[in-house]
Amino acid sequence: MKLPQTDGCLCGKIRYEINEASRLVYTCHCTESQRSTSSAFSIALAVAGFRLTGDEPQPLESIADSGRVKIRWVCPVRSC
């Protein structure tokens, strides 16, 4: 993988840069991930060299299938 990698949300408000290779890639099959991706799962990765270069994301709290509170960080433009 060629580094750095840059990308962001669909509307362009949130931008980020990744300067190191990912340390972990995983999938989540919870019902919220299925709803948010319109798929059977979502894919996520853990990186060390991550830097936000655009607007700050907003916290979005919900209750996980386990009953615990979870926080997802999302674009402030909710239609993005």
PDB file of N, CA and C in Angstrom:
ATOM      1  N   MET A   1       0.845  -1.174   0.000  1.00  0.00           N
ATOM      2  CA  MET A   1       0.000   0.000   0.000  1.00  0.00           C
ATOM      3  C   MET A   1       0.892   1.240   0.000  1.00  0.00           C
ATOM      4  N   LYS A   2       0.563   2.165  -0.876  1.00  0.00           N
ATOM      5  CA  LYS A   2       1.317   3.408  -0.958  1.00  0.00           C
ATOM      6  C   LYS A   2       0.812   4.385   0.102  1.00  0.00           C
ATOM      7  N   LEU A   3       1.724   4.939   0.888  1.00  0.00           N
ATOM      8  CA  LEU A   3       1.370   5.878   1.953  1.00  0.00           C
ATOM      9  C   LEU A   3       1.962   7.242   1.662  1.00  0.00           C
ATOM     10  N   PRO A   4       1.364   8.314   2.089  1.00  0.00           N
ATOM     11  CA  PRO A   4       0.129   8.373   2.880  1.00  0.00           C
ATOM     12  C   PRO A   4      -1.100   8.141   2.007  1.00  0.00           C
ATOM     13  N   GLN A   5      -2.183   7.693   2.652  1.00  0.00           N
ATOM     14  CA  GLN A   5      -3.496   7.557   2.042  1.00  0.00           C
ATOM     15  C   GLN A   5      -4.363   8.694   2.576  1.00  0.00           C
ATOM     16  N   THR A   6      -5.113   9.335   1.701  1.00  0.00           N
ATOM     17  CA  THR A   6      -6.031  10.397   2.131  1.00  0.00           C
ATOM     18  C   THR A   6      -7.422  10.087   1.602  1.00  0.00           C
ATOM     19  N   ASP A   7      -8.427  10.503   2.368  1.00  0.00           N
ATOM     20  CA  ASP A   7      -9.810  10.299   1.957  1.00  0.00           C
ATOM     21  C   ASP A   7     -10.703  11.101   2.886  1.00  0.00           C
ATOM     22  N   GLY A   8     -11.977  10.830   2.867  1.00  0.00           N
ATOM     23  CA  GLY A   8     -12.906  11.534   3.731  1.00  0.00           C
ATOM     24  C   GLY A   8     -14.327  11.100   3.486  1.00  0.00           C
ATOM     25  N   CYS A   9     -15.252  11.830   4.079  1.00  0.00           N
ATOM     26  CA  CYS A   9     -16.665  11.504   3.925  1.00  0.00           C
ATOM     27  C   CYS A   9     -17.157  11.976   2.552  1.00  0.00           C
ATOM     28  N   LEU A  10     -18.373  11.595   2.212  1.00  0.00           N
ATOM     29  CA  LEU A  10     -18.899  11.902   0.879  1.00  0.00           C
ATOM     30  C   LEU A  10     -19.031  13.394   0.606  1.00  0.00           C
ATOM     31  N   CYS A  11     -19.414  14.184   1.605  1.00  0.00           N
ATOM     32  CA  CYS A  11     -19.609  15.614   1.372  1.00  0.00           C
ATOM     33  C   CYS A  11     -18.302  16.395   1.441  1.00  0.00           C
ATOM     34  N   GLY A  12     -17.234  15.772   1.964  1.00  0.00           N
ATOM     35  CA  GLY A  12     -15.933  16.429   2.011  1.00  0.00           C
ATOM     36  C   GLY A  12     -15.647  17.212   3.286  1.00  0.00           C
ATOM     37  N   LYS A  13     -16.599  17.275   4.225  1.00  0.00           N
ATOM     38  CA  LYS A  13     -16.371  18.023   5.472  1.00  0.00           C
ATOM     39  C   LYS A  13     -15.279  17.377   6.322  1.00  0.00           C
ATOM     40  N   ILE A  14     -15.344  16.050   6.447  1.00  0.00           N
ATOM     41  CA  ILE A  14     -14.337  15.334   7.231  1.00  0.00           C
ATOM     42  C   ILE A  14     -13.304  14.774   6.271  1.00  0.00           C
ATOM     43  N   ARG A  15     -12.051  15.089   6.500  1.00  0.00           N
ATOM     44  CA  ARG A  15     -10.935  14.586   5.696  1.00  0.00           C
ATOM     45  C   ARG A  15      -9.938  13.954   6.658  1.00  0.00           C
ATOM     46  N   TYR A  16      -9.203  12.973   6.174  1.00  0.00           N
ATOM     47  CA  TYR A  16      -8.199  12.336   7.021  1.00  0.00           C
ATOM     48  C   TYR A  16      -7.022  11.851   6.193  1.00  0.00           C
ATOM     49  N   GLU A  17      -5.946  11.575   6.905  1.00  0.00           N
ATOM     50  CA  GLU A  17      -4.715  11.079   6.297  1.00  0.00           C
ATOM     51  C   GLU A  17      -4.208   9.912   7.140  1.00  0.00           C
ATOM     52  N   ILE A  18      -3.788   8.837   6.484  1.00  0.00           N
ATOM     53  CA  ILE A  18      -3.216   7.673   7.157  1.00  0.00           C
ATOM     54  C   ILE A  18      -1.767   7.551   6.711  1.00  0.00           C
ATOM     55  N   ASN A  19      -0.846   7.556   7.677  1.00  0.00           N
ATOM     56  CA  ASN A  19       0.586   7.535   7.376  1.00  0.00           C
ATOM     57  C   ASN A  19       1.272   6.213   7.694  1.00  0.00           C
ATOM     58  N   GLU A  20       0.551   5.255   8.294  1.00  0.00           N
ATOM     59  CA  GLU A  20       1.120   3.950   8.626  1.00  0.00           C
ATOM     60  C   GLU A  20       0.167   2.854   8.176  1.00  0.00           C
ATOM     61  N   ALA A  21       0.708   1.686   7.887  1.00  0.00           N
ATOM     62  CA  ALA A  21      -0.119   0.554   7.488  1.00  0.00           C
ATOM     63  C   ALA A  21      -1.052   0.156   8.624  1.00  0.00           C
ATOM     64  N   SER A  22      -2.212  -0.389   8.269  1.00  0.00           N
ATOM     65  CA  SER A  22      -3.176  -0.799   9.289  1.00  0.00           C
ATOM     66  C   SER A  22      -2.614  -1.922  10.153  1.00  0.00           C
ATOM     67  N   ARG A  23      -3.023  -1.923  11.405  1.00  0.00           N
ATOM     68  CA  ARG A  23      -2.577  -2.941  12.359  1.00  0.00           C
ATOM     69  C   ARG A  23      -3.596  -4.062  12.501  1.00  0.00           C
ATOM     70  N   LEU A  24      -4.851  -3.762  12.206  1.00  0.00           N
ATOM     71  CA  LEU A  24      -5.923  -4.734  12.384  1.00  0.00           C
ATOM     72  C   LEU A  24      -7.065  -4.362  11.449  1.00  0.00           C
ATOM     73  N   VAL A  25      -7.637  -5.349  10.784  1.00  0.00           N
ATOM     74  CA  VAL A  25      -8.836  -5.169   9.963  1.00  0.00           C
ATOM     75  C   VAL A  25      -9.870  -6.153  10.493  1.00  0.00           C
ATOM     76  N   TYR A  26     -11.100  -5.673  10.699  1.00  0.00           N
ATOM     77  CA  TYR A  26     -12.123  -6.553  11.246  1.00  0.00           C
ATOM     78  C   TYR A  26     -13.497  -6.212  10.684  1.00  0.00           C
ATOM     79  N   THR A  27     -14.427  -7.127  10.857  1.00  0.00           N
ATOM     80  CA  THR A  27     -15.798  -6.908  10.432  1.00  0.00           C
ATOM     81  C   THR A  27     -16.717  -6.926  11.646  1.00  0.00           C
ATOM     82  N   CYS A  28     -17.810  -6.213  11.532  1.00  0.00           N
ATOM     83  CA  CYS A  28     -18.832  -6.199  12.574  1.00  0.00           C
ATOM     84  C   CYS A  28     -20.148  -6.613  11.926  1.00  0.00           C
ATOM     85  N   HIS A  29     -20.846  -7.548  12.570  1.00  0.00           N
ATOM     86  CA  HIS A  29     -22.105  -8.060  12.040  1.00  0.00           C
ATOM     87  C   HIS A  29     -23.310  -7.641  12.874  1.00  0.00           C
ATOM     88  N   CYS A  30     -23.155  -6.644  13.755  1.00  0.00           N
ATOM     89  CA  CYS A  30     -24.282  -6.221  14.592  1.00  0.00           C
ATOM     90  C   CYS A  30     -25.369  -5.594  13.707  1.00  0.00           C
ATOM     91  N   THR A  31     -26.583  -5.531  14.230  1.00  0.00           N
ATOM     92  CA  THR A  31     -27.694  -5.031  13.424  1.00  0.00           C
ATOM     93  C   THR A  31     -27.524  -3.558  13.038  1.00  0.00           C
ATOM     94  N   GLU A  32     -26.896  -2.760  13.893  1.00  0.00           N
ATOM     95  CA  GLU A  32     -26.676  -1.360  13.525  1.00  0.00           C
ATOM     96  C   GLU A  32     -25.697  -1.236  12.365  1.00  0.00           C
ATOM     97  N   SER A  33     -24.638  -2.043  12.376  1.00  0.00           N
ATOM     98  CA  SER A  33     -23.701  -2.042  11.247  1.00  0.00           C
ATOM     99  C   SER A  33     -24.394  -2.496   9.972  1.00  0.00           C
ATOM    100  N   GLN A  34     -25.255  -3.481  10.085  1.00  0.00           N
ATOM    101  CA  GLN A  34     -26.002  -3.952   8.921  1.00  0.00           C
ATOM    102  C   GLN A  34     -26.916  -2.863   8.379  1.00  0.00           C
ATOM    103  N   ARG A  35     -27.589  -2.128   9.273  1.00  0.00           N
ATOM    104  CA  ARG A  35     -28.470  -1.039   8.832  1.00  0.00           C
ATOM    105  C   ARG A  35     -27.670   0.100   8.201  1.00  0.00           C
ATOM    106  N   SER A  36     -26.547   0.473   8.809  1.00  0.00           N
ATOM    107  CA  SER A  36     -25.799   1.634   8.309  1.00  0.00           C
ATOM    108  C   SER A  36     -25.093   1.358   6.982  1.00  0.00           C
ATOM    109  N   THR A  37     -24.790   0.089   6.686  1.00  0.00           N
ATOM    110  CA  THR A  37     -24.109  -0.242   5.430  1.00  0.00           C
ATOM    111  C   THR A  37     -25.025  -0.898   4.399  1.00  0.00           C
ATOM    112  N   SER A  38     -26.257  -1.234   4.791  1.00  0.00           N
ATOM    113  CA  SER A  38     -27.179  -1.982   3.923  1.00  0.00           C
ATOM    114  C   SER A  38     -26.525  -3.266   3.432  1.00  0.00           C
ATOM    115  N   SER A  39     -25.798  -3.910   4.321  1.00  0.00           N
ATOM    116  CA  SER A  39     -25.069  -5.130   4.005  1.00  0.00           C
ATOM    117  C   SER A  39     -25.145  -6.073   5.210  1.00  0.00           C
ATOM    118  N   ALA A  40     -24.458  -7.193   5.127  1.00  0.00           N
ATOM    119  CA  ALA A  40     -24.436  -8.138   6.236  1.00  0.00           C
ATOM    120  C   ALA A  40     -23.425  -7.750   7.304  1.00  0.00           C
ATOM    121  N   PHE A  41     -22.552  -6.778   7.013  1.00  0.00           N
ATOM    122  CA  PHE A  41     -21.493  -6.404   7.945  1.00  0.00           C
ATOM    123  C   PHE A  41     -20.905  -5.049   7.567  1.00  0.00           C
ATOM    124  N   SER A  42     -20.081  -4.510   8.457  1.00  0.00           N
ATOM    125  CA  SER A  42     -19.262  -3.336   8.129  1.00  0.00           C
ATOM    126  C   SER A  42     -17.803  -3.735   8.341  1.00  0.00           C
ATOM    127  N   ILE A  43     -16.917  -3.045   7.674  1.00  0.00           N
ATOM    128  CA  ILE A  43     -15.483  -3.313   7.793  1.00  0.00           C
ATOM    129  C   ILE A  43     -14.822  -2.112   8.455  1.00  0.00           C
ATOM    130  N   ALA A  44     -13.930  -2.375   9.387  1.00  0.00           N
ATOM    131  CA  ALA A  44     -13.200  -1.311  10.073  1.00  0.00           C
ATOM    132  C   ALA A  44     -11.737  -1.709  10.175  1.00  0.00           C
ATOM    133  N   LEU A  45     -10.899  -0.728  10.446  1.00  0.00           N
ATOM    134  CA  LEU A  45      -9.483  -1.027  10.633  1.00  0.00           C
ATOM    135  C   LEU A  45      -8.906  -0.136  11.708  1.00  0.00           C
ATOM    136  N   ALA A  46      -7.857  -0.634  12.337  1.00  0.00           N
ATOM    137  CA  ALA A  46      -7.153   0.113  13.381  1.00  0.00           C
ATOM    138  C   ALA A  46      -5.815   0.565  12.808  1.00  0.00           C
ATOM    139  N   VAL A  47      -5.547   1.856  12.938  1.00  0.00           N
ATOM    140  CA  VAL A  47      -4.290   2.422  12.436  1.00  0.00           C
ATOM    141  C   VAL A  47      -3.665   3.298  13.510  1.00  0.00           C
ATOM    142  N   ALA A  48      -2.351   3.451  13.460  1.00  0.00           N
ATOM    143  CA  ALA A  48      -1.653   4.313  14.414  1.00  0.00           C
ATOM    144  C   ALA A  48      -1.421   5.690  13.818  1.00  0.00           C
ATOM    145  N   GLY A  49      -1.068   5.775  12.567  1.00  0.00           N
ATOM    146  CA  GLY A  49      -0.729   7.046  11.934  1.00  0.00           C
ATOM    147  C   GLY A  49      -1.928   7.708  11.300  1.00  0.00           C
ATOM    148  N   PHE A  50      -2.929   8.064  12.095  1.00  0.00           N
ATOM    149  CA  PHE A  50      -4.179   8.652  11.615  1.00  0.00           C
ATOM    150  C   PHE A  50      -4.251  10.109  12.038  1.00  0.00           C
ATOM    151  N   ARG A  51      -4.633  10.989  11.093  1.00  0.00           N
ATOM    152  CA  ARG A  51      -4.739  12.412  11.412  1.00  0.00           C
ATOM    153  C   ARG A  51      -5.934  13.006  10.689  1.00  0.00           C
ATOM    154  N   LEU A  52      -6.805  13.701  11.448  1.00  0.00           N
ATOM    155  CA  LEU A  52      -7.917  14.432  10.835  1.00  0.00           C
ATOM    156  C   LEU A  52      -7.389  15.708  10.219  1.00  0.00           C
ATOM    157  N   THR A  53      -7.840  16.012   9.002  1.00  0.00           N
ATOM    158  CA  THR A  53      -7.405  17.238   8.344  1.00  0.00           C
ATOM    159  C   THR A  53      -8.577  18.140   7.975  1.00  0.00           C
ATOM    160  N   GLY A  54      -9.804  17.703   8.243  1.00  0.00           N
ATOM    161  CA  GLY A  54     -10.991  18.496   7.940  1.00  0.00           C
ATOM    162  C   GLY A  54     -11.746  18.836   9.208  1.00  0.00           C
ATOM    163  N   ASP A  55     -13.055  18.969   9.081  1.00  0.00           N
ATOM    164  CA  ASP A  55     -13.915  19.271  10.229  1.00  0.00           C
ATOM    165  C   ASP A  55     -13.895  18.131  11.242  1.00  0.00           C
ATOM    166  N   GLU A  56     -14.283  18.450  12.465  1.00  0.00           N
ATOM    167  CA  GLU A  56     -14.358  17.450  13.529  1.00  0.00           C
ATOM    168  C   GLU A  56     -15.637  16.625  13.373  1.00  0.00           C
ATOM    169  N   PRO A  57     -15.559  15.300  13.532  1.00  0.00           N
ATOM    170  CA  PRO A  57     -16.779  14.489  13.510  1.00  0.00           C
ATOM    171  C   PRO A  57     -17.598  14.707  14.774  1.00  0.00           C
ATOM    172  N   GLN A  58     -18.871  14.354  14.701  1.00  0.00           N
ATOM    173  CA  GLN A  58     -19.792  14.495  15.830  1.00  0.00           C
ATOM    174  C   GLN A  58     -20.039  13.124  16.462  1.00  0.00           C
ATOM    175  N   PRO A  59     -20.154  13.056  17.800  1.00  0.00           N
ATOM    176  CA  PRO A  59     -20.466  11.768  18.435  1.00  0.00           C
ATOM    177  C   PRO A  59     -21.937  11.412  18.232  1.00  0.00           C
ATOM    178  N   LEU A  60     -22.189  10.145  17.967  1.00  0.00           N
ATOM    179  CA  LEU A  60     -23.544   9.635  17.823  1.00  0.00           C
ATOM    180  C   LEU A  60     -23.660   8.428  18.745  1.00  0.00           C
ATOM    181  N   GLU A  61     -24.410   8.586  19.838  1.00  0.00           N
ATOM    182  CA  GLU A  61     -24.553   7.521  20.830  1.00  0.00           C
ATOM    183  C   GLU A  61     -25.758   6.657  20.514  1.00  0.00           C
ATOM    184  N   SER A  62     -25.597   5.362  20.769  1.00  0.00           N
ATOM    185  CA  SER A  62     -26.699   4.419  20.625  1.00  0.00           C
ATOM    186  C   SER A  62     -26.462   3.257  21.584  1.00  0.00           C
ATOM    187  N   ILE A  63     -27.446   2.393  21.680  1.00  0.00           N
ATOM    188  CA  ILE A  63     -27.341   1.212  22.531  1.00  0.00           C
ATOM    189  C   ILE A  63     -27.007   0.014  21.647  1.00  0.00           C
ATOM    190  N   ALA A  64     -25.926  -0.669  21.966  1.00  0.00           N
ATOM    191  CA  ALA A  64     -25.492  -1.838  21.212  1.00  0.00           C
ATOM    192  C   ALA A  64     -26.407  -3.022  21.499  1.00  0.00           C
ATOM    193  N   ASP A  65     -26.312  -4.064  20.691  1.00  0.00           N
ATOM    194  CA  ASP A  65     -27.101  -5.271  20.913  1.00  0.00           C
ATOM    195  C   ASP A  65     -26.865  -5.845  22.312  1.00  0.00           C
ATOM    196  N   SER A  66     -25.679  -5.620  22.852  1.00  0.00           N
ATOM    197  CA  SER A  66     -25.335  -6.119  24.186  1.00  0.00           C
ATOM    198  C   SER A  66     -25.979  -5.298  25.296  1.00  0.00           C
ATOM    199  N   GLY A  67     -26.539  -4.120  24.977  1.00  0.00           N
ATOM    200  CA  GLY A  67     -27.122  -3.239  25.971  1.00  0.00           C
ATOM    201  C   GLY A  67     -26.185  -2.121  26.403  1.00  0.00           C
ATOM    202  N   ARG A  68     -24.919  -2.188  25.983  1.00  0.00           N
ATOM    203  CA  ARG A  68     -23.944  -1.150  26.342  1.00  0.00           C
ATOM    204  C   ARG A  68     -24.091   0.060  25.427  1.00  0.00           C
ATOM    205  N   VAL A  69     -23.720   1.227  25.954  1.00  0.00           N
ATOM    206  CA  VAL A  69     -23.722   2.448  25.153  1.00  0.00           C
ATOM    207  C   VAL A  69     -22.493   2.423  24.252  1.00  0.00           C
ATOM    208  N   LYS A  70     -22.706   2.750  22.978  1.00  0.00           N
ATOM    209  CA  LYS A  70     -21.561   2.844  22.075  1.00  0.00           C
ATOM    210  C   LYS A  70     -21.606   4.192  21.373  1.00  0.00           C
ATOM    211  N   ILE A  71     -20.455   4.675  21.001  1.00  0.00           N
ATOM    212  CA  ILE A  71     -20.344   5.976  20.346  1.00  0.00           C
ATOM    213  C   ILE A  71     -19.688   5.775  18.986  1.00  0.00           C
ATOM    214  N   ARG A  72     -20.357   6.245  17.951  1.00  0.00           N
ATOM    215  CA  ARG A  72     -19.782   6.279  16.604  1.00  0.00           C
ATOM    216  C   ARG A  72     -19.513   7.739  16.279  1.00  0.00           C
ATOM    217  N   TRP A  73     -18.448   8.016  15.603  1.00  0.00           N
ATOM    218  CA  TRP A  73     -18.104   9.377  15.215  1.00  0.00           C
ATOM    219  C   TRP A  73     -18.485   9.549  13.758  1.00  0.00           C
ATOM    220  N   VAL A  74     -19.378  10.501  13.489  1.00  0.00           N
ATOM    221  CA  VAL A  74     -19.961  10.650  12.159  1.00  0.00           C
ATOM    222  C   VAL A  74     -19.799  12.078  11.643  1.00  0.00           C
ATOM    223  N   CYS A  75     -20.025  12.248  10.364  1.00  0.00           N
ATOM    224  CA  CYS A  75     -19.961  13.565   9.729  1.00  0.00           C
ATOM    225  C   CYS A  75     -21.042  14.461  10.328  1.00  0.00           C
ATOM    226  N   PRO A  76     -20.727  15.741  10.574  1.00  0.00           N
ATOM    227  CA  PRO A  76     -21.742  16.660  11.113  1.00  0.00           C
ATOM    228  C   PRO A  76     -22.872  16.915  10.120  1.00  0.00           C
ATOM    229  N   VAL A  77     -22.650  16.663   8.840  1.00  0.00           N
ATOM    230  CA  VAL A  77     -23.706  16.768   7.830  1.00  0.00           C
ATOM    231  C   VAL A  77     -24.357  15.395   7.766  1.00  0.00           C
ATOM    232  N   ARG A  78     -25.465  15.203   8.445  1.00  0.00           N
ATOM    233  CA  ARG A  78     -26.060  13.881   8.625  1.00  0.00           C
ATOM    234  C   ARG A  78     -26.467  13.214   7.315  1.00  0.00           C
ATOM    235  N   SER A  79     -26.689  13.981   6.250  1.00  0.00           N
ATOM    236  CA  SER A  79     -27.104  13.384   4.987  1.00  0.00           C
ATOM    237  C   SER A  79     -25.924  12.847   4.189  1.00  0.00           C
ATOM    238  N   CYS A  80     -24.728  13.002   4.714  1.00  0.00           N
ATOM    239  CA  CYS A  80     -23.512  12.590   4.009  1.00  0.00           C
ATOM    240  C   CYS A  80     -23.434  11.093   3.869  1.00  0.00           C
TER     241      CYS A  80
END
